[in-house]
Amino acid sequence: MEPLPSNWVDEIFKRFHGRFGNRFLAEYCTGIVGQDGQDMGISNAKNVWGEELAGFTPEEIKRGLSAQYPFLPDCDKFKLACIDYEQAFLEAVKQMHERKSGKDKWSSPAIYWAASEIGNDLNNHPYQSIRVRWKIEFDKAREKISEGRLPNSVPERLVAIPAPGKTTVSKEESARRFAEAHAILDKKIINRS
C-alpha cells in the first residue's frame, strides 16, 4: 500500500507544530541537517508517519487532527484518534444489510473485511458488547490490507444459487422439463438403433 502522500504528512506536522509549538518538533529533531536542508530526525519521522498512515482516508486524518490530546501525540496516538471504531461498526451493520440487495457502499475496504470476519455476530450484538472484538478485527483488516494479504477493495457481491432441492417448480414446468428430457433420450435411442 502506498504511503500517505508527503504533502499530507507535512500538513499534519504543520498543524501539530501550530498546536503544540516547538515541543512537537523537538520530539523528532536530531540537529543533524541532511542534504535537503531538513533535520534528518524530522524527515525520518515524516517518512515513518507516511508509511504508518498508509490507507487512512481524508476523513480519518481530519478526525485525528481535530482530536484533543492530553499529551503530545506520537504516530500511534494519532492513528488511534483517526479511527472512530463505533462509526465504522455502524457502517458495517448498515452496509452488510444493504449488501443483500447489492446496494452496499463502503467508505473503507477494512470495514468490509472486519465485518466479514465477524459474520452474523455483527447483527446479533450491540456495539458495546462487541466493541473489543470489532476493534481487533478492524485493526487486523487494516494491517492485512497494508501488508497486501487482503485486497484494498470490497469484492463484488456474488449471488448464491439455491441449494439442490431448495427450489420449487410448478407441476406444469416439471412436466414440460421431463417431456423435453424424454424427447432427447428417445432421439438418442432411435439414432443408436
Protein backbone atom coordinates (compact mmCIF):
# COMPACT_ATOMS: atom_id res chain seq x y z
CA MET A 1 0.00 0.00 0.00
CA GLU A 2 1.25 3.45 -0.89
CA PRO A 3 2.35 5.68 1.99
CA LEU A 4 0.25 8.71 2.82
CA PRO A 5 1.27 11.49 0.40
CA SER A 6 4.18 13.51 1.79
CA ASN A 7 2.27 16.80 1.43
CA TRP A 8 -0.42 15.36 3.74
CA VAL A 9 2.22 14.40 6.31
CA ASP A 10 3.76 17.89 6.00
CA GLU A 11 0.34 19.38 6.76
CA ILE A 12 -0.10 17.11 9.80
CA PHE A 13 3.28 18.21 11.14
CA LYS A 14 2.47 21.89 10.44
CA ARG A 15 -0.86 21.58 12.24
CA PHE A 16 0.70 19.89 15.29
CA HIS A 17 3.56 22.39 15.30
CA GLY A 18 0.94 25.13 15.34
CA ARG A 19 -0.99 23.46 18.16
CA PHE A 20 1.87 22.25 20.34
CA GLY A 21 4.72 24.54 19.32
CA ASN A 22 8.34 23.52 19.08
CA ARG A 23 7.76 20.79 21.69
CA PHE A 24 6.18 18.69 18.95
CA LEU A 25 9.09 19.02 16.52
CA ALA A 26 11.64 18.66 19.34
CA GLU A 27 10.41 15.08 19.79
CA TYR A 28 11.93 14.22 16.41
CA CYS A 29 14.68 16.81 15.90
CA THR A 30 18.26 15.44 15.90
CA GLY A 31 20.13 18.61 14.97
CA ILE A 32 21.71 16.81 12.02
CA VAL A 33 20.81 18.51 8.77
CA GLY A 34 20.53 16.42 5.62
CA GLN A 35 21.43 17.39 2.06
CA ASP A 36 17.91 18.70 1.55
CA GLY A 37 18.42 21.22 4.37
CA GLN A 38 15.91 19.44 6.65
CA ASP A 39 16.60 17.97 10.07
CA MET A 40 17.19 14.25 9.48
CA GLY A 41 15.15 13.23 12.54
CA ILE A 42 12.11 15.20 11.39
CA SER A 43 12.50 13.88 7.82
CA ASN A 44 12.71 10.32 9.13
CA ALA A 45 9.68 10.85 11.37
CA LYS A 46 7.66 12.17 8.43
CA ASN A 47 8.62 9.14 6.34
CA VAL A 48 7.56 6.79 9.14
CA TRP A 49 4.29 8.65 9.69
CA GLY A 50 3.60 8.43 5.94
CA GLU A 51 4.13 4.66 5.97
CA GLU A 52 2.13 4.13 9.14
CA LEU A 53 -0.79 6.20 7.86
CA ALA A 54 -0.99 4.40 4.51
CA GLY A 55 -4.61 3.69 3.68
CA PHE A 56 -6.13 6.26 6.02
CA THR A 57 -8.91 8.27 4.40
CA PRO A 58 -9.06 12.09 4.38
CA GLU A 59 -11.98 11.91 6.84
CA GLU A 60 -9.93 9.79 9.24
CA ILE A 61 -6.97 12.20 9.02
CA LYS A 62 -9.30 15.13 9.73
CA ARG A 63 -10.70 13.26 12.74
CA GLY A 64 -7.18 12.70 14.07
CA LEU A 65 -6.25 16.34 13.56
CA SER A 66 -9.33 17.60 15.38
CA ALA A 67 -8.92 15.24 18.36
CA GLN A 68 -7.97 16.58 21.76
CA TYR A 69 -4.69 15.16 23.07
CA PRO A 70 -3.77 15.34 26.76
CA PHE A 71 -0.12 14.83 25.76
CA LEU A 72 1.91 15.39 22.61
CA PRO A 73 0.63 12.91 20.04
CA ASP A 74 3.02 10.42 18.54
CA CYS A 75 2.13 8.44 15.42
CA ASP A 76 0.42 5.63 17.35
CA LYS A 77 -1.77 8.04 19.35
CA PHE A 78 -2.63 9.91 16.17
CA LYS A 79 -3.66 6.69 14.39
CA LEU A 80 -5.96 5.76 17.28
CA ALA A 81 -7.56 9.21 17.18
CA CYS A 82 -8.15 8.93 13.42
CA ILE A 83 -10.42 5.91 13.68
CA ASP A 84 -13.95 6.11 15.00
CA TYR A 85 -14.49 2.42 15.72
CA GLU A 86 -18.13 2.85 16.68
CA GLN A 87 -18.92 4.73 13.47
CA ALA A 88 -17.13 2.03 11.45
CA PHE A 89 -19.18 -0.64 13.25
CA LEU A 90 -22.44 1.16 12.50
CA GLU A 91 -21.43 1.45 8.84
CA ALA A 92 -20.63 -2.28 8.77
CA VAL A 93 -24.05 -3.20 10.14
CA LYS A 94 -25.83 -0.96 7.65
CA GLN A 95 -23.75 -1.93 4.62
CA MET A 96 -23.95 -5.67 5.29
CA HIS A 97 -27.73 -5.28 5.29
CA GLU A 98 -27.54 -3.26 2.05
CA ARG A 99 -25.22 -5.88 0.51
CA LYS A 100 -28.09 -8.38 0.43
CA SER A 101 -29.71 -6.27 -2.29
CA GLY A 102 -26.44 -5.17 -3.90
CA LYS A 103 -26.78 -1.56 -2.74
CA ASP A 104 -23.81 -1.51 -0.36
CA LYS A 105 -21.31 1.39 -0.45
CA TRP A 106 -18.28 1.08 1.83
CA SER A 107 -16.12 4.01 2.91
CA SER A 108 -13.22 1.62 3.57
CA PRO A 109 -12.46 -1.94 2.50
CA ALA A 110 -11.17 -2.60 6.03
CA ILE A 111 -14.70 -2.13 7.37
CA TYR A 112 -15.98 -4.74 4.93
CA TRP A 113 -13.25 -7.26 5.75
CA ALA A 114 -13.74 -6.81 9.51
CA ALA A 115 -17.49 -7.22 9.11
CA SER A 116 -16.95 -10.37 7.05
CA GLU A 117 -14.73 -11.82 9.75
CA ILE A 118 -17.29 -11.17 12.48
CA GLY A 119 -20.15 -12.51 10.37
CA ASN A 120 -23.62 -12.85 11.87
CA ASP A 121 -22.47 -11.63 15.27
CA LEU A 122 -22.40 -8.18 13.70
CA ASN A 123 -26.21 -8.08 13.70
CA ASN A 124 -26.71 -10.09 16.87
CA HIS A 125 -24.78 -7.93 19.34
CA PRO A 126 -24.85 -4.23 20.19
CA TYR A 127 -21.63 -2.28 19.73
CA GLN A 128 -20.85 -2.10 23.46
CA SER A 129 -20.81 -5.87 23.84
CA ILE A 130 -18.73 -6.49 20.72
CA ARG A 131 -16.53 -3.38 20.61
CA VAL A 132 -13.28 -5.08 21.69
CA ARG A 133 -13.71 -7.83 19.12
CA TRP A 134 -14.67 -5.25 16.48
CA LYS A 135 -11.56 -3.17 17.18
CA ILE A 136 -9.32 -6.25 16.93
CA GLU A 137 -10.86 -7.37 13.63
CA PHE A 138 -10.87 -3.86 12.16
CA ASP A 139 -7.22 -3.27 13.07
CA LYS A 140 -6.34 -6.74 11.73
CA ALA A 141 -8.09 -5.99 8.44
CA ARG A 142 -6.24 -2.67 8.08
CA GLU A 143 -2.94 -4.40 8.78
CA LYS A 144 -3.62 -7.21 6.29
CA ILE A 145 -4.57 -4.68 3.62
CA SER A 146 -1.39 -2.66 4.21
CA GLU A 147 0.71 -5.86 4.01
CA GLY A 148 -1.07 -6.97 0.83
CA ARG A 149 -2.63 -10.06 2.43
CA LEU A 150 -6.12 -8.71 1.74
CA PRO A 151 -7.18 -6.68 -1.31
CA ASN A 152 -7.67 -2.96 -0.82
CA SER A 153 -11.14 -3.27 -2.31
CA VAL A 154 -14.53 -4.71 -1.50
CA PRO A 155 -15.17 -7.86 -3.51
CA GLU A 156 -18.08 -7.97 -5.90
CA ARG A 157 -21.21 -9.41 -4.37
CA LEU A 158 -21.82 -12.96 -5.52
CA VAL A 159 -25.39 -14.10 -5.98
CA ALA A 160 -25.87 -17.50 -4.39
CA ILE A 161 -27.82 -20.14 -6.22
CA PRO A 162 -30.26 -22.19 -4.17
CA ALA A 163 -29.09 -25.48 -2.73
CA PRO A 164 -30.29 -28.61 -4.51
CA GLY A 165 -33.83 -29.47 -3.50
CA LYS A 166 -34.43 -25.97 -2.10
CA THR A 167 -36.22 -24.58 -5.15
CA THR A 168 -39.78 -25.21 -6.19
CA VAL A 169 -41.03 -25.66 -9.72
CA SER A 170 -44.67 -25.80 -10.70
CA LYS A 171 -46.13 -29.17 -11.76
CA GLU A 172 -46.58 -27.85 -15.28
CA GLU A 173 -42.95 -26.71 -15.54
CA SER A 174 -41.75 -30.01 -14.10
CA ALA A 175 -43.86 -31.98 -16.64
CA ARG A 176 -42.52 -29.82 -19.50
CA ARG A 177 -38.89 -30.41 -18.42
CA PHE A 178 -39.44 -34.18 -18.13
CA ALA A 179 -41.06 -34.23 -21.58
CA GLU A 180 -38.04 -32.41 -23.03
CA ALA A 181 -35.64 -34.84 -21.35
CA HIS A 182 -37.63 -37.87 -22.61
CA ALA A 183 -37.68 -36.45 -26.15
CA ILE A 184 -33.88 -36.03 -26.09
CA LEU A 185 -33.40 -39.56 -24.75
CA ASP A 186 -35.87 -41.03 -27.29
CA LYS A 187 -33.93 -39.38 -30.14
CA LYS A 188 -30.64 -40.85 -28.87
CA ILE A 189 -32.15 -44.32 -28.53
CA ILE A 190 -33.63 -44.17 -32.07
CA ASN A 191 -30.33 -42.91 -33.52
CA ARG A 192 -28.44 -45.81 -31.94
CA SER A 193 -30.79 -48.43 -33.38
